mmCIF file of all heavy atoms, coordinates in Angstrom:
data_MODEL
# 
_entry.id   MODEL 
# 
loop_
_atom_site.group_PDB 
_atom_site.id 
_atom_site.type_symbol 
_atom_site.label_atom_id 
_atom_site.label_alt_id 
_atom_site.label_comp_id 
_atom_site.label_asym_id 
_atom_site.label_entity_id 
_atom_site.label_seq_id 
_atom_site.pdbx_PDB_ins_code 
_atom_site.Cartn_x 
_atom_site.Cartn_y 
_atom_site.Cartn_z 
_atom_site.occupancy 
_atom_site.B_iso_or_equiv 
_atom_site.pdbx_formal_charge 
_atom_site.auth_seq_id 
_atom_site.auth_comp_id 
_atom_site.auth_asym_id 
_atom_site.auth_atom_id 
_atom_site.pdbx_PDB_model_num 
ATOM 1   N N   . PRO A 1 1  ? 6.771  -6.541 -15.630 1.00 0.00 ? 1  PRO A N   1 
ATOM 2   C CA  . PRO A 1 1  ? 5.617  -6.135 -14.711 1.00 0.00 ? 1  PRO A CA  1 
ATOM 3   C C   . PRO A 1 1  ? 5.446  -4.593 -14.780 1.00 0.00 ? 1  PRO A C   1 
ATOM 4   O O   . PRO A 1 1  ? 6.340  -3.872 -14.853 1.00 0.00 ? 1  PRO A O   1 
ATOM 5   C CB  . PRO A 1 1  ? 6.203  -6.556 -13.342 1.00 0.00 ? 1  PRO A CB  1 
ATOM 6   C CG  . PRO A 1 1  ? 7.691  -6.560 -13.339 1.00 0.00 ? 1  PRO A CG  1 
ATOM 7   C CD  . PRO A 1 1  ? 8.008  -6.946 -14.748 1.00 0.00 ? 1  PRO A CD  1 
ATOM 8   N N   . ALA A 1 2  ? 4.204  -4.322 -14.618 1.00 0.00 ? 2  ALA A N   1 
ATOM 9   C CA  . ALA A 1 2  ? 3.861  -2.854 -14.596 1.00 0.00 ? 2  ALA A CA  1 
ATOM 10  C C   . ALA A 1 2  ? 4.500  -2.171 -13.530 1.00 0.00 ? 2  ALA A C   1 
ATOM 11  O O   . ALA A 1 2  ? 4.777  -2.832 -12.384 1.00 0.00 ? 2  ALA A O   1 
ATOM 12  C CB  . ALA A 1 2  ? 2.203  -2.713 -14.402 1.00 0.00 ? 2  ALA A CB  1 
ATOM 13  N N   . SER A 1 3  ? 4.799  -0.933 -13.628 1.00 0.00 ? 3  SER A N   1 
ATOM 14  C CA  . SER A 1 3  ? 5.488  -0.148 -12.596 1.00 0.00 ? 3  SER A CA  1 
ATOM 15  C C   . SER A 1 3  ? 5.238  1.207  -12.639 1.00 0.00 ? 3  SER A C   1 
ATOM 16  O O   . SER A 1 3  ? 4.890  1.854  -13.722 1.00 0.00 ? 3  SER A O   1 
ATOM 17  C CB  . SER A 1 3  ? 7.059  -0.442 -12.581 1.00 0.00 ? 3  SER A CB  1 
ATOM 18  O OG  . SER A 1 3  ? 7.580  0.174  -13.695 1.00 0.00 ? 3  SER A OG  1 
ATOM 19  N N   . LEU A 1 4  ? 5.344  2.047  -11.465 1.00 0.00 ? 4  LEU A N   1 
ATOM 20  C CA  . LEU A 1 4  ? 5.170  3.407  -11.502 1.00 0.00 ? 4  LEU A CA  1 
ATOM 21  C C   . LEU A 1 4  ? 6.228  4.037  -12.388 1.00 0.00 ? 4  LEU A C   1 
ATOM 22  O O   . LEU A 1 4  ? 5.927  5.036  -13.167 1.00 0.00 ? 4  LEU A O   1 
ATOM 23  C CB  . LEU A 1 4  ? 5.325  3.883  -10.005 1.00 0.00 ? 4  LEU A CB  1 
ATOM 24  C CG  . LEU A 1 4  ? 5.196  5.423  -9.810  1.00 0.00 ? 4  LEU A CG  1 
ATOM 25  C CD1 . LEU A 1 4  ? 3.927  5.991  -10.406 1.00 0.00 ? 4  LEU A CD1 1 
ATOM 26  C CD2 . LEU A 1 4  ? 5.325  5.790  -8.396  1.00 0.00 ? 4  LEU A CD2 1 
ATOM 27  N N   . ALA A 1 5  ? 7.428  3.563  -12.395 1.00 0.00 ? 5  ALA A N   1 
ATOM 28  C CA  . ALA A 1 5  ? 8.579  4.201  -13.112 1.00 0.00 ? 5  ALA A CA  1 
ATOM 29  C C   . ALA A 1 5  ? 8.170  4.036  -14.687 1.00 0.00 ? 5  ALA A C   1 
ATOM 30  O O   . ALA A 1 5  ? 8.562  5.047  -15.452 1.00 0.00 ? 5  ALA A O   1 
ATOM 31  C CB  . ALA A 1 5  ? 9.861  3.342  -12.990 1.00 0.00 ? 5  ALA A CB  1 
ATOM 32  N N   . GLN A 1 6  ? 7.475  3.107  -15.081 1.00 0.00 ? 6  GLN A N   1 
ATOM 33  C CA  . GLN A 1 6  ? 7.000  3.080  -16.564 1.00 0.00 ? 6  GLN A CA  1 
ATOM 34  C C   . GLN A 1 6  ? 5.877  3.933  -16.844 1.00 0.00 ? 6  GLN A C   1 
ATOM 35  O O   . GLN A 1 6  ? 5.748  4.472  -17.864 1.00 0.00 ? 6  GLN A O   1 
ATOM 36  C CB  . GLN A 1 6  ? 6.730  1.599  -16.940 1.00 0.00 ? 6  GLN A CB  1 
ATOM 37  C CG  . GLN A 1 6  ? 7.936  0.707  -16.974 1.00 0.00 ? 6  GLN A CG  1 
ATOM 38  C CD  . GLN A 1 6  ? 7.432  -0.702 -17.574 1.00 0.00 ? 6  GLN A CD  1 
ATOM 39  O OE1 . GLN A 1 6  ? 7.423  -0.853 -18.755 1.00 0.00 ? 6  GLN A OE1 1 
ATOM 40  N NE2 . GLN A 1 6  ? 7.187  -1.616 -16.683 1.00 0.00 ? 6  GLN A NE2 1 
ATOM 41  N N   . LEU A 1 7  ? 4.986  4.094  -15.784 1.00 0.00 ? 7  LEU A N   1 
ATOM 42  C CA  . LEU A 1 7  ? 3.735  4.808  -15.982 1.00 0.00 ? 7  LEU A CA  1 
ATOM 43  C C   . LEU A 1 7  ? 4.003  6.314  -15.938 1.00 0.00 ? 7  LEU A C   1 
ATOM 44  O O   . LEU A 1 7  ? 3.302  7.049  -16.724 1.00 0.00 ? 7  LEU A O   1 
ATOM 45  C CB  . LEU A 1 7  ? 2.657  4.399  -14.903 1.00 0.00 ? 7  LEU A CB  1 
ATOM 46  C CG  . LEU A 1 7  ? 1.316  5.007  -15.124 1.00 0.00 ? 7  LEU A CG  1 
ATOM 47  C CD1 . LEU A 1 7  ? 0.719  4.628  -16.367 1.00 0.00 ? 7  LEU A CD1 1 
ATOM 48  C CD2 . LEU A 1 7  ? 0.527  4.554  -13.916 1.00 0.00 ? 7  LEU A CD2 1 
ATOM 49  N N   . LYS A 1 8  ? 4.935  6.748  -15.097 1.00 0.00 ? 8  LYS A N   1 
ATOM 50  C CA  . LYS A 1 8  ? 5.057  8.218  -14.930 1.00 0.00 ? 8  LYS A CA  1 
ATOM 51  C C   . LYS A 1 8  ? 5.335  8.992  -16.232 1.00 0.00 ? 8  LYS A C   1 
ATOM 52  O O   . LYS A 1 8  ? 4.675  9.942  -16.480 1.00 0.00 ? 8  LYS A O   1 
ATOM 53  C CB  . LYS A 1 8  ? 6.342  8.413  -13.906 1.00 0.00 ? 8  LYS A CB  1 
ATOM 54  C CG  . LYS A 1 8  ? 5.945  8.762  -12.526 1.00 0.00 ? 8  LYS A CG  1 
ATOM 55  C CD  . LYS A 1 8  ? 7.217  9.083  -11.749 1.00 0.00 ? 8  LYS A CD  1 
ATOM 56  C CE  . LYS A 1 8  ? 6.752  9.336  -10.351 1.00 0.00 ? 8  LYS A CE  1 
ATOM 57  N NZ  . LYS A 1 8  ? 7.968  9.655  -9.455  1.00 0.00 ? 8  LYS A NZ  1 
ATOM 58  N N   . PRO A 1 9  ? 6.229  8.587  -17.138 1.00 0.00 ? 9  PRO A N   1 
ATOM 59  C CA  . PRO A 1 9  ? 6.444  9.318  -18.356 1.00 0.00 ? 9  PRO A CA  1 
ATOM 60  C C   . PRO A 1 9  ? 5.240  9.395  -19.244 1.00 0.00 ? 9  PRO A C   1 
ATOM 61  O O   . PRO A 1 9  ? 5.070  10.304 -20.095 1.00 0.00 ? 9  PRO A O   1 
ATOM 62  C CB  . PRO A 1 9  ? 7.528  8.604  -19.054 1.00 0.00 ? 9  PRO A CB  1 
ATOM 63  C CG  . PRO A 1 9  ? 8.155  7.579  -18.187 1.00 0.00 ? 9  PRO A CG  1 
ATOM 64  C CD  . PRO A 1 9  ? 7.106  7.367  -17.027 1.00 0.00 ? 9  PRO A CD  1 
ATOM 65  N N   . MET A 1 10 ? 4.263  8.426  -19.122 1.00 0.00 ? 10 MET A N   1 
ATOM 66  C CA  . MET A 1 10 ? 2.963  8.472  -19.913 1.00 0.00 ? 10 MET A CA  1 
ATOM 67  C C   . MET A 1 10 ? 1.963  9.555  -19.492 1.00 0.00 ? 10 MET A C   1 
ATOM 68  O O   . MET A 1 10 ? 1.113  9.841  -20.223 1.00 0.00 ? 10 MET A O   1 
ATOM 69  C CB  . MET A 1 10 ? 2.467  7.054  -19.929 1.00 0.00 ? 10 MET A CB  1 
ATOM 70  C CG  . MET A 1 10 ? 3.324  5.988  -20.500 1.00 0.00 ? 10 MET A CG  1 
ATOM 71  S SD  . MET A 1 10 ? 2.544  4.369  -20.230 1.00 0.00 ? 10 MET A SD  1 
ATOM 72  C CE  . MET A 1 10 ? 3.962  3.335  -20.146 1.00 0.00 ? 10 MET A CE  1 
ATOM 73  N N   . MET A 1 11 ? 2.097  9.937  -18.226 1.00 0.00 ? 11 MET A N   1 
ATOM 74  C CA  . MET A 1 11 ? 1.145  10.788 -17.635 1.00 0.00 ? 11 MET A CA  1 
ATOM 75  C C   . MET A 1 11 ? 0.891  12.074 -18.419 1.00 0.00 ? 11 MET A C   1 
ATOM 76  O O   . MET A 1 11 ? -0.255 12.593 -18.494 1.00 0.00 ? 11 MET A O   1 
ATOM 77  C CB  . MET A 1 11 ? 1.416  11.042 -16.222 1.00 0.00 ? 11 MET A CB  1 
ATOM 78  C CG  . MET A 1 11 ? 1.412  9.857  -15.312 1.00 0.00 ? 11 MET A CG  1 
ATOM 79  S SD  . MET A 1 11 ? -0.130 8.816  -15.518 1.00 0.00 ? 11 MET A SD  1 
ATOM 80  C CE  . MET A 1 11 ? -1.383 9.923  -14.947 1.00 0.00 ? 11 MET A CE  1 
ATOM 81  N N   . SER A 1 12 ? 1.976  12.575 -19.174 1.00 0.00 ? 12 SER A N   1 
ATOM 82  C CA  . SER A 1 12 ? 1.774  13.847 -19.961 1.00 0.00 ? 12 SER A CA  1 
ATOM 83  C C   . SER A 1 12 ? 0.834  13.591 -21.112 1.00 0.00 ? 12 SER A C   1 
ATOM 84  O O   . SER A 1 12 ? 0.294  14.397 -21.677 1.00 0.00 ? 12 SER A O   1 
ATOM 85  C CB  . SER A 1 12 ? 3.122  14.398 -20.368 1.00 0.00 ? 12 SER A CB  1 
ATOM 86  O OG  . SER A 1 12 ? 3.822  13.474 -21.189 1.00 0.00 ? 12 SER A OG  1 
ATOM 87  N N   . ASP A 1 13 ? 0.734  12.242 -21.644 1.00 0.00 ? 13 ASP A N   1 
ATOM 88  C CA  . ASP A 1 13 ? -0.052 11.958 -22.661 1.00 0.00 ? 13 ASP A CA  1 
ATOM 89  C C   . ASP A 1 13 ? -1.448 11.472 -22.315 1.00 0.00 ? 13 ASP A C   1 
ATOM 90  O O   . ASP A 1 13 ? -2.360 11.160 -23.120 1.00 0.00 ? 13 ASP A O   1 
ATOM 91  C CB  . ASP A 1 13 ? 0.580  10.797 -23.404 1.00 0.00 ? 13 ASP A CB  1 
ATOM 92  C CG  . ASP A 1 13 ? 1.848  11.196 -24.181 1.00 0.00 ? 13 ASP A CG  1 
ATOM 93  O OD1 . ASP A 1 13 ? 1.973  12.373 -24.545 1.00 0.00 ? 13 ASP A OD1 1 
ATOM 94  O OD2 . ASP A 1 13 ? 2.729  10.378 -24.301 1.00 0.00 ? 13 ASP A OD2 1 
ATOM 95  N N   . ILE A 1 14 ? -1.634 11.540 -20.981 1.00 0.00 ? 14 ILE A N   1 
ATOM 96  C CA  . ILE A 1 14 ? -3.087 11.183 -20.460 1.00 0.00 ? 14 ILE A CA  1 
ATOM 97  C C   . ILE A 1 14 ? -3.601 12.297 -19.591 1.00 0.00 ? 14 ILE A C   1 
ATOM 98  O O   . ILE A 1 14 ? -3.449 12.358 -18.310 1.00 0.00 ? 14 ILE A O   1 
ATOM 99  C CB  . ILE A 1 14 ? -2.989 9.906  -19.524 1.00 0.00 ? 14 ILE A CB  1 
ATOM 100 C CG1 . ILE A 1 14 ? -2.256 8.711  -20.331 1.00 0.00 ? 14 ILE A CG1 1 
ATOM 101 C CG2 . ILE A 1 14 ? -4.388 9.484  -19.127 1.00 0.00 ? 14 ILE A CG2 1 
ATOM 102 C CD1 . ILE A 1 14 ? -2.146 7.399  -19.521 1.00 0.00 ? 14 ILE A CD1 1 
ATOM 103 N N   . PRO A 1 15 ? -4.168 13.374 -20.207 1.00 0.00 ? 15 PRO A N   1 
ATOM 104 C CA  . PRO A 1 15 ? -4.504 14.624 -19.527 1.00 0.00 ? 15 PRO A CA  1 
ATOM 105 C C   . PRO A 1 15 ? -5.687 14.365 -18.529 1.00 0.00 ? 15 PRO A C   1 
ATOM 106 O O   . PRO A 1 15 ? -5.837 15.285 -17.702 1.00 0.00 ? 15 PRO A O   1 
ATOM 107 C CB  . PRO A 1 15 ? -4.877 15.558 -20.568 1.00 0.00 ? 15 PRO A CB  1 
ATOM 108 C CG  . PRO A 1 15 ? -5.216 14.703 -21.782 1.00 0.00 ? 15 PRO A CG  1 
ATOM 109 C CD  . PRO A 1 15 ? -4.339 13.451 -21.633 1.00 0.00 ? 15 PRO A CD  1 
ATOM 110 N N   . SER A 1 16 ? -6.442 13.289 -18.708 1.00 0.00 ? 16 SER A N   1 
ATOM 111 C CA  . SER A 1 16 ? -7.468 12.991 -17.764 1.00 0.00 ? 16 SER A CA  1 
ATOM 112 C C   . SER A 1 16 ? -7.071 12.489 -16.332 1.00 0.00 ? 16 SER A C   1 
ATOM 113 O O   . SER A 1 16 ? -7.797 12.394 -15.416 1.00 0.00 ? 16 SER A O   1 
ATOM 114 C CB  . SER A 1 16 ? -8.493 12.047 -18.332 1.00 0.00 ? 16 SER A CB  1 
ATOM 115 O OG  . SER A 1 16 ? -7.838 10.863 -18.633 1.00 0.00 ? 16 SER A OG  1 
ATOM 116 N N   . LEU A 1 17 ? -5.758 12.106 -16.252 1.00 0.00 ? 17 LEU A N   1 
ATOM 117 C CA  . LEU A 1 17 ? -5.230 11.540 -14.968 1.00 0.00 ? 17 LEU A CA  1 
ATOM 118 C C   . LEU A 1 17 ? -3.887 12.362 -14.496 1.00 0.00 ? 17 LEU A C   1 
ATOM 119 O O   . LEU A 1 17 ? -3.313 13.021 -15.390 1.00 0.00 ? 17 LEU A O   1 
ATOM 120 C CB  . LEU A 1 17 ? -4.689 10.086 -15.224 1.00 0.00 ? 17 LEU A CB  1 
ATOM 121 C CG  . LEU A 1 17 ? -5.830 9.068  -15.658 1.00 0.00 ? 17 LEU A CG  1 
ATOM 122 C CD1 . LEU A 1 17 ? -5.225 7.797  -16.055 1.00 0.00 ? 17 LEU A CD1 1 
ATOM 123 C CD2 . LEU A 1 17 ? -6.826 9.078  -14.595 1.00 0.00 ? 17 LEU A CD2 1 
ATOM 124 N N   . LYS A 1 18 ? -3.693 12.294 -13.294 1.00 0.00 ? 18 LYS A N   1 
ATOM 125 C CA  . LYS A 1 18 ? -2.506 12.932 -12.800 1.00 0.00 ? 18 LYS A CA  1 
ATOM 126 C C   . LYS A 1 18 ? -2.010 12.079 -11.441 1.00 0.00 ? 18 LYS A C   1 
ATOM 127 O O   . LYS A 1 18 ? -2.752 11.407 -10.808 1.00 0.00 ? 18 LYS A O   1 
ATOM 128 C CB  . LYS A 1 18 ? -2.783 14.373 -12.223 1.00 0.00 ? 18 LYS A CB  1 
ATOM 129 C CG  . LYS A 1 18 ? -3.758 14.491 -11.056 1.00 0.00 ? 18 LYS A CG  1 
ATOM 130 C CD  . LYS A 1 18 ? -3.823 15.932 -10.632 1.00 0.00 ? 18 LYS A CD  1 
ATOM 131 C CE  . LYS A 1 18 ? -4.865 15.917 -9.429  1.00 0.00 ? 18 LYS A CE  1 
ATOM 132 N NZ  . LYS A 1 18 ? -4.953 17.288 -8.814  1.00 0.00 ? 18 LYS A NZ  1 
ATOM 133 N N   . LEU A 1 19 ? -0.817 12.224 -11.335 1.00 0.00 ? 19 LEU A N   1 
ATOM 134 C CA  . LEU A 1 19 ? -0.107 11.615 -10.106 1.00 0.00 ? 19 LEU A CA  1 
ATOM 135 C C   . LEU A 1 19 ? -0.094 12.591 -9.047  1.00 0.00 ? 19 LEU A C   1 
ATOM 136 O O   . LEU A 1 19 ? 0.556  13.580 -9.228  1.00 0.00 ? 19 LEU A O   1 
ATOM 137 C CB  . LEU A 1 19 ? 1.199  10.862 -10.468 1.00 0.00 ? 19 LEU A CB  1 
ATOM 138 C CG  . LEU A 1 19 ? 1.205  9.810  -11.380 1.00 0.00 ? 19 LEU A CG  1 
ATOM 139 C CD1 . LEU A 1 19 ? 2.632  9.419  -11.918 1.00 0.00 ? 19 LEU A CD1 1 
ATOM 140 C CD2 . LEU A 1 19 ? 0.522  8.548  -10.770 1.00 0.00 ? 19 LEU A CD2 1 
ATOM 141 N N   . ASP A 1 20 ? -0.540 12.226 -7.845  1.00 0.00 ? 20 ASP A N   1 
ATOM 142 C CA  . ASP A 1 20 ? -0.424 13.140 -6.652  1.00 0.00 ? 20 ASP A CA  1 
ATOM 143 C C   . ASP A 1 20 ? 0.724  12.391 -5.706  1.00 0.00 ? 20 ASP A C   1 
ATOM 144 O O   . ASP A 1 20 ? 0.357  11.305 -5.271  1.00 0.00 ? 20 ASP A O   1 
ATOM 145 C CB  . ASP A 1 20 ? -1.825 13.111 -5.954  1.00 0.00 ? 20 ASP A CB  1 
ATOM 146 C CG  . ASP A 1 20 ? -1.778 13.970 -4.644  1.00 0.00 ? 20 ASP A CG  1 
ATOM 147 O OD1 . ASP A 1 20 ? -0.647 14.521 -4.298  1.00 0.00 ? 20 ASP A OD1 1 
ATOM 148 O OD2 . ASP A 1 20 ? -2.880 14.047 -4.101  1.00 0.00 ? 20 ASP A OD2 1 
ATOM 149 N N   . CYS A 1 21 ? 1.819  12.986 -5.639  1.00 0.00 ? 21 CYS A N   1 
ATOM 150 C CA  . CYS A 1 21 ? 2.968  12.419 -4.846  1.00 0.00 ? 21 CYS A CA  1 
ATOM 151 C C   . CYS A 1 21 ? 3.106  12.960 -3.471  1.00 0.00 ? 21 CYS A C   1 
ATOM 152 O O   . CYS A 1 21 ? 4.067  12.896 -2.837  1.00 0.00 ? 21 CYS A O   1 
ATOM 153 C CB  . CYS A 1 21 ? 4.203  12.604 -5.726  1.00 0.00 ? 21 CYS A CB  1 
ATOM 154 S SG  . CYS A 1 21 ? 4.149  11.918 -7.330  1.00 0.00 ? 21 CYS A SG  1 
ATOM 155 N N   . GLU A 1 22 ? 2.009  13.594 -2.932  1.00 0.00 ? 22 GLU A N   1 
ATOM 156 C CA  . GLU A 1 22 ? 2.067  14.136 -1.642  1.00 0.00 ? 22 GLU A CA  1 
ATOM 157 C C   . GLU A 1 22 ? 1.907  12.859 -0.614  1.00 0.00 ? 22 GLU A C   1 
ATOM 158 O O   . GLU A 1 22 ? 1.316  11.902 -0.919  1.00 0.00 ? 22 GLU A O   1 
ATOM 159 C CB  . GLU A 1 22 ? 0.944  15.106 -1.347  1.00 0.00 ? 22 GLU A CB  1 
ATOM 160 C CG  . GLU A 1 22 ? 1.086  16.375 -2.086  1.00 0.00 ? 22 GLU A CG  1 
ATOM 161 C CD  . GLU A 1 22 ? -0.009 17.307 -1.833  1.00 0.00 ? 22 GLU A CD  1 
ATOM 162 O OE1 . GLU A 1 22 ? -0.620 17.315 -0.701  1.00 0.00 ? 22 GLU A OE1 1 
ATOM 163 O OE2 . GLU A 1 22 ? -0.267 18.166 -2.675  1.00 0.00 ? 22 GLU A OE2 1 
ATOM 164 N N   . GLY A 1 23 ? 2.634  13.026 0.502   1.00 0.00 ? 23 GLY A N   1 
ATOM 165 C CA  . GLY A 1 23 ? 2.487  12.042 1.534   1.00 0.00 ? 23 GLY A CA  1 
ATOM 166 C C   . GLY A 1 23 ? 3.385  10.875 1.196   1.00 0.00 ? 23 GLY A C   1 
ATOM 167 O O   . GLY A 1 23 ? 4.353  10.882 0.457   1.00 0.00 ? 23 GLY A O   1 
ATOM 168 N N   . GLU A 1 24 ? 3.069  9.640  1.721   1.00 0.00 ? 24 GLU A N   1 
ATOM 169 C CA  . GLU A 1 24 ? 3.952  8.495  1.773   1.00 0.00 ? 24 GLU A CA  1 
ATOM 170 C C   . GLU A 1 24 ? 3.888  7.777  0.396   1.00 0.00 ? 24 GLU A C   1 
ATOM 171 O O   . GLU A 1 24 ? 4.791  7.258  -0.150  1.00 0.00 ? 24 GLU A O   1 
ATOM 172 C CB  . GLU A 1 24 ? 3.657  7.591  2.805   1.00 0.00 ? 24 GLU A CB  1 
ATOM 173 C CG  . GLU A 1 24 ? 4.653  6.429  2.936   1.00 0.00 ? 24 GLU A CG  1 
ATOM 174 C CD  . GLU A 1 24 ? 4.640  5.678  4.135   1.00 0.00 ? 24 GLU A CD  1 
ATOM 175 O OE1 . GLU A 1 24 ? 4.551  6.187  5.272   1.00 0.00 ? 24 GLU A OE1 1 
ATOM 176 O OE2 . GLU A 1 24 ? 4.453  4.329  4.046   1.00 0.00 ? 24 GLU A OE2 1 
ATOM 177 N N   . GLY A 1 25 ? 2.693  7.734  -0.203  1.00 0.00 ? 25 GLY A N   1 
ATOM 178 C CA  . GLY A 1 25 ? 2.448  6.977  -1.478  1.00 0.00 ? 25 GLY A CA  1 
ATOM 179 C C   . GLY A 1 25 ? 2.191  7.903  -2.616  1.00 0.00 ? 25 GLY A C   1 
ATOM 180 O O   . GLY A 1 25 ? 2.476  9.110  -2.531  1.00 0.00 ? 25 GLY A O   1 
ATOM 181 N N   . VAL A 1 26 ? 1.757  7.328  -3.674  1.00 0.00 ? 26 VAL A N   1 
ATOM 182 C CA  . VAL A 1 26 ? 1.381  8.073  -4.785  1.00 0.00 ? 26 VAL A CA  1 
ATOM 183 C C   . VAL A 1 26 ? -0.015 7.720  -5.203  1.00 0.00 ? 26 VAL A C   1 
ATOM 184 O O   . VAL A 1 26 ? -0.365 6.674  -5.178  1.00 0.00 ? 26 VAL A O   1 
ATOM 185 C CB  . VAL A 1 26 ? 2.300  7.596  -6.025  1.00 0.00 ? 26 VAL A CB  1 
ATOM 186 C CG1 . VAL A 1 26 ? 1.858  8.402  -7.279  1.00 0.00 ? 26 VAL A CG1 1 
ATOM 187 C CG2 . VAL A 1 26 ? 3.731  7.965  -5.690  1.00 0.00 ? 26 VAL A CG2 1 
ATOM 188 N N   . ARG A 1 27 ? -0.894 8.713  -5.391  1.00 0.00 ? 27 ARG A N   1 
ATOM 189 C CA  . ARG A 1 27 ? -2.225 8.531  -5.812  1.00 0.00 ? 27 ARG A CA  1 
ATOM 190 C C   . ARG A 1 27 ? -2.390 8.836  -7.302  1.00 0.00 ? 27 ARG A C   1 
ATOM 191 O O   . ARG A 1 27 ? -1.964 9.807  -7.756  1.00 0.00 ? 27 ARG A O   1 
ATOM 192 C CB  . ARG A 1 27 ? -3.163 9.322  -4.900  1.00 0.00 ? 27 ARG A CB  1 
ATOM 193 C CG  . ARG A 1 27 ? -3.090 8.960  -3.494  1.00 0.00 ? 27 ARG A CG  1 
ATOM 194 C CD  . ARG A 1 27 ? -4.089 9.717  -2.555  1.00 0.00 ? 27 ARG A CD  1 
ATOM 195 N NE  . ARG A 1 27 ? -3.825 11.117 -2.731  1.00 0.00 ? 27 ARG A NE  1 
ATOM 196 C CZ  . ARG A 1 27 ? -4.551 12.042 -2.107  1.00 0.00 ? 27 ARG A CZ  1 
ATOM 197 N NH1 . ARG A 1 27 ? -5.484 11.719 -1.456  1.00 0.00 ? 27 ARG A NH1 1 
ATOM 198 N NH2 . ARG A 1 27 ? -4.245 13.333 -2.262  1.00 0.00 ? 27 ARG A NH2 1 
ATOM 199 N N   . LEU A 1 28 ? -3.041 7.933  -7.859  1.00 0.00 ? 28 LEU A N   1 
ATOM 200 C CA  . LEU A 1 28 ? -3.431 8.129  -9.354  1.00 0.00 ? 28 LEU A CA  1 
ATOM 201 C C   . LEU A 1 28 ? -4.792 8.721  -9.310  1.00 0.00 ? 28 LEU A C   1 
ATOM 202 O O   . LEU A 1 28 ? -5.764 8.132  -8.871  1.00 0.00 ? 28 LEU A O   1 
ATOM 203 C CB  . LEU A 1 28 ? -3.492 6.744  -10.136 1.00 0.00 ? 28 LEU A CB  1 
ATOM 204 C CG  . LEU A 1 28 ? -3.714 6.936  -11.646 1.00 0.00 ? 28 LEU A CG  1 
ATOM 205 C CD1 . LEU A 1 28 ? -2.793 7.859  -12.351 1.00 0.00 ? 28 LEU A CD1 1 
ATOM 206 C CD2 . LEU A 1 28 ? -3.772 5.484  -12.246 1.00 0.00 ? 28 LEU A CD2 1 
ATOM 207 N N   . MET A 1 29 ? -4.913 9.977  -9.705  1.00 0.00 ? 29 MET A N   1 
ATOM 208 C CA  . MET A 1 29 ? -6.174 10.715 -9.495  1.00 0.00 ? 29 MET A CA  1 
ATOM 209 C C   . MET A 1 29 ? -6.730 11.112 -10.864 1.00 0.00 ? 29 MET A C   1 
ATOM 210 O O   . MET A 1 29 ? -6.036 11.284 -11.878 1.00 0.00 ? 29 MET A O   1 
ATOM 211 C CB  . MET A 1 29 ? -5.714 12.101 -8.762  1.00 0.00 ? 29 MET A CB  1 
ATOM 212 C CG  . MET A 1 29 ? -5.008 11.855 -7.482  1.00 0.00 ? 29 MET A CG  1 
ATOM 213 S SD  . MET A 1 29 ? -6.055 11.090 -6.187  1.00 0.00 ? 29 MET A SD  1 
ATOM 214 C CE  . MET A 1 29 ? -7.178 12.439 -5.789  1.00 0.00 ? 29 MET A CE  1 
# 
């Protein structure tokens, strides 16, 4: 199953997206 743990390392290869970890959750922005 898809997970944040798997997605996080890919974010450096996706410059159009970022993870915002402020607050209680994580926003994919």
